[in-house]
PDB file of N, CA and C in Angstrom:
ATOM      1  N   UNK A   1      66.428 162.859 142.844  1.00  0.00           N
ATOM      2  CA  UNK A   1      67.669 162.666 144.218  1.00  0.00           C
ATOM      3  C   UNK A   1      66.648 162.215 145.377  1.00  0.00           C
ATOM      4  N   UNK A   2      65.412 162.149 145.497  1.00  0.00           N
ATOM      5  CA  UNK A   2      64.402 161.506 145.655  1.00  0.00           C
ATOM      6  C   UNK A   2      63.966 162.758 146.889  1.00  0.00           C
ATOM      7  N   UNK A   3      63.246 164.296 145.829  1.00  0.00           N
ATOM      8  CA  UNK A   3      62.847 165.184 146.790  1.00  0.00           C
ATOM      9  C   UNK A   3      62.636 165.795 146.359  1.00  0.00           C
ATOM     10  N   UNK A   4      61.830 166.603 146.808  1.00  0.00           N
ATOM     11  CA  UNK A   4      60.943 168.095 145.667  1.00  0.00           C
ATOM     12  C   UNK A   4      61.909 168.647 145.729  1.00  0.00           C
ATOM     13  N   UNK A   5      61.563 169.511 144.470  1.00  0.00           N
ATOM     14  CA  UNK A   5      62.645 170.349 144.433  1.00  0.00           C
ATOM     15  C   UNK A   5      62.253 171.762 145.332  1.00  0.00           C
ATOM     16  N   UNK A   6      62.833 172.505 145.440  1.00  0.00           N
ATOM     17  CA  UNK A   6      62.548 173.262 146.782  1.00  0.00           C
ATOM     18  C   UNK A   6      62.068 175.181 145.998  1.00  0.00           C
ATOM     19  N   UNK A   7      61.543 175.949 146.590  1.00  0.00           N
ATOM     20  CA  UNK A   7      61.842 177.400 145.756  1.00  0.00           C
ATOM     21  C   UNK A   7      62.633 177.764 144.777  1.00  0.00           C
ATOM     22  N   UNK A   8      62.992 177.600 146.092  1.00  0.00           N
ATOM     23  CA  UNK A   8      65.317 178.893 146.438  1.00  0.00           C
ATOM     24  C   UNK A   8      65.289 177.836 144.264  1.00  0.00           C
ATOM     25  N   UNK A   9      65.765 176.988 143.966  1.00  0.00           N
ATOM     26  CA  UNK A   9      65.546 175.576 143.234  1.00  0.00           C
ATOM     27  C   UNK A   9      65.407 177.024 142.212  1.00  0.00           C
ATOM     28  N   UNK A  10      64.367 176.492 142.349  1.00  0.00           N
ATOM     29  CA  UNK A  10      64.276 176.824 140.396  1.00  0.00           C
ATOM     30  C   UNK A  10      64.468 178.051 140.409  1.00  0.00           C
ATOM     31  N   UNK A  11      64.151 179.525 141.905  1.00  0.00           N
ATOM     32  CA  UNK A  11      64.748 180.501 141.269  1.00  0.00           C
ATOM     33  C   UNK A  11      66.361 181.021 140.604  1.00  0.00           C
ATOM     34  N   UNK A  12      67.249 180.045 141.757  1.00  0.00           N
ATOM     35  CA  UNK A  12      68.054 179.961 141.264  1.00  0.00           C
ATOM     36  C   UNK A  12      68.302 180.056 139.794  1.00  0.00           C
ATOM     37  N   UNK A  13      67.190 179.103 139.148  1.00  0.00           N
ATOM     38  CA  UNK A  13      67.486 179.058 137.051  1.00  0.00           C
ATOM     39  C   UNK A  13      67.042 179.462 137.400  1.00  0.00           C
ATOM     40  N   UNK A  14      66.973 180.320 137.338  1.00  0.00           N
ATOM     41  CA  UNK A  14      65.740 182.036 137.198  1.00  0.00           C
ATOM     42  C   UNK A  14      67.265 183.383 137.109  1.00  0.00           C
ATOM     43  N   UNK A  15      67.578 182.475 137.925  1.00  0.00           N
ATOM     44  CA  UNK A  15      68.850 184.704 138.126  1.00  0.00           C
ATOM     45  C   UNK A  15      69.712 183.520 137.355  1.00  0.00           C
ATOM     46  N   UNK A  16      69.929 182.545 136.693  1.00  0.00           N
ATOM     47  CA  UNK A  16      71.665 182.552 136.041  1.00  0.00           C
ATOM     48  C   UNK A  16      70.314 182.847 134.055  1.00  0.00           C
ATOM     49  N   UNK A  17      69.257 182.358 134.518  1.00  0.00           N
ATOM     50  CA  UNK A  17      68.767 183.264 132.969  1.00  0.00           C
ATOM     51  C   UNK A  17      69.122 184.197 132.092  1.00  0.00           C
ATOM     52  N   UNK A  18      68.598 185.062 133.761  1.00  0.00           N
ATOM     53  CA  UNK A  18      68.642 186.338 133.695  1.00  0.00           C
ATOM     54  C   UNK A  18      70.002 187.277 133.889  1.00  0.00           C
ATOM     55  N   UNK A  19      71.041 186.618 134.064  1.00  0.00           N
ATOM     56  CA  UNK A  19      72.194 186.793 134.216  1.00  0.00           C
ATOM     57  C   UNK A  19      73.064 186.798 132.805  1.00  0.00           C
ATOM     58  N   UNK A  20      74.011 187.529 133.091  1.00  0.00           N
ATOM     59  CA  UNK A  20      75.266 188.026 131.706  1.00  0.00           C
ATOM     60  C   UNK A  20      75.887 186.969 131.461  1.00  0.00           C
ATOM     61  N   UNK A  21      76.400 185.289 132.550  1.00  0.00           N
ATOM     62  CA  UNK A  21      76.854 183.805 132.399  1.00  0.00           C
ATOM     63  C   UNK A  21      75.773 183.183 131.400  1.00  0.00           C
ATOM     64  N   UNK A  22      74.778 183.876 130.361  1.00  0.00           N
ATOM     65  CA  UNK A  22      73.687 182.764 130.574  1.00  0.00           C
ATOM     66  C   UNK A  22      73.306 183.079 128.529  1.00  0.00           C
ATOM     67  N   UNK A  23      73.914 185.278 128.306  1.00  0.00           N
ATOM     68  CA  UNK A  23      73.612 185.426 127.402  1.00  0.00           C
ATOM     69  C   UNK A  23      73.946 184.884 125.868  1.00  0.00           C
ATOM     70  N   UNK A  24      74.629 183.363 125.429  1.00  0.00           N
ATOM     71  CA  UNK A  24      74.629 182.777 124.475  1.00  0.00           C
ATOM     72  C   UNK A  24      73.378 182.013 124.679  1.00  0.00           C
ATOM     73  N   UNK A  25      72.766 182.090 125.946  1.00  0.00           N
ATOM     74  CA  UNK A  25      72.054 180.701 126.104  1.00  0.00           C
ATOM     75  C   UNK A  25      70.651 180.890 125.332  1.00  0.00           C
ATOM     76  N   UNK A  26      70.155 180.462 123.845  1.00  0.00           N
ATOM     77  CA  UNK A  26      68.827 180.445 123.431  1.00  0.00           C
ATOM     78  C   UNK A  26      67.789 179.405 123.646  1.00  0.00           C
ATOM     79  N   UNK A  27      66.759 179.953 123.586  1.00  0.00           N
ATOM     80  CA  UNK A  27      65.632 178.398 122.943  1.00  0.00           C
ATOM     81  C   UNK A  27      65.610 177.237 123.976  1.00  0.00           C
ATOM     82  N   UNK A  28      65.543 177.259 124.749  1.00  0.00           N
ATOM     83  CA  UNK A  28      65.854 176.145 125.671  1.00  0.00           C
ATOM     84  C   UNK A  28      65.125 176.042 126.434  1.00  0.00           C
ATOM     85  N   UNK A  29      64.487 174.848 127.171  1.00  0.00           N
ATOM     86  CA  UNK A  29      63.175 174.208 128.280  1.00  0.00           C
ATOM     87  C   UNK A  29      64.314 173.917 129.001  1.00  0.00           C
ATOM     88  N   UNK A  30      64.247 175.124 130.220  1.00  0.00           N
ATOM     89  CA  UNK A  30      65.665 173.904 131.304  1.00  0.00           C
ATOM     90  C   UNK A  30      64.763 173.731 132.161  1.00  0.00           C
ATOM     91  N   UNK A  31      64.480 172.174 132.459  1.00  0.00           N
ATOM     92  CA  UNK A  31      64.365 171.647 132.989  1.00  0.00           C
ATOM     93  C   UNK A  31      65.090 171.544 134.530  1.00  0.00           C
ATOM     94  N   UNK A  32      64.138 171.952 135.877  1.00  0.00           N
ATOM     95  CA  UNK A  32      64.564 171.984 137.617  1.00  0.00           C
ATOM     96  C   UNK A  32      63.587 170.990 138.363  1.00  0.00           C
ATOM     97  N   UNK A  33      64.215 169.980 138.362  1.00  0.00           N
ATOM     98  CA  UNK A  33      63.300 168.702 138.861  1.00  0.00           C
ATOM     99  C   UNK A  33      64.576 167.365 138.994  1.00  0.00           C
ATOM    100  N   UNK A  34      65.372 168.163 139.507  1.00  0.00           N
ATOM    101  CA  UNK A  34      66.110 166.385 139.514  1.00  0.00           C
ATOM    102  C   UNK A  34      66.369 165.477 139.458  1.00  0.00           C
ATOM    103  N   UNK A  35      65.928 165.290 138.458  1.00  0.00           N
ATOM    104  CA  UNK A  35      66.168 164.354 137.327  1.00  0.00           C
ATOM    105  C   UNK A  35      65.576 163.506 137.381  1.00  0.00           C
ATOM    106  N   UNK A  36      64.049 163.980 137.563  1.00  0.00           N
ATOM    107  CA  UNK A  36      62.489 163.299 137.619  1.00  0.00           C
ATOM    108  C   UNK A  36      62.835 162.654 136.436  1.00  0.00           C
ATOM    109  N   UNK A  37      62.689 163.440 135.567  1.00  0.00           N
ATOM    110  CA  UNK A  37      61.967 163.668 134.359  1.00  0.00           C
ATOM    111  C   UNK A  37      63.324 162.885 132.840  1.00  0.00           C
ATOM    112  N   UNK A  38      63.455 162.052 133.502  1.00  0.00           N
ATOM    113  CA  UNK A  38      65.054 161.346 132.894  1.00  0.00           C
ATOM    114  C   UNK A  38      64.349 160.109 132.697  1.00  0.00           C
TER     115      UNK A  38
END
């Protein structure tokens, strides 16, 4: 994406993982890096 990840974008990932919507997510590595690791 050509920019650094902002702190609130990392927080969004944490909030998702703590939510009921992520109740079936187990054992995952969630990379919040804008695709830089591809």
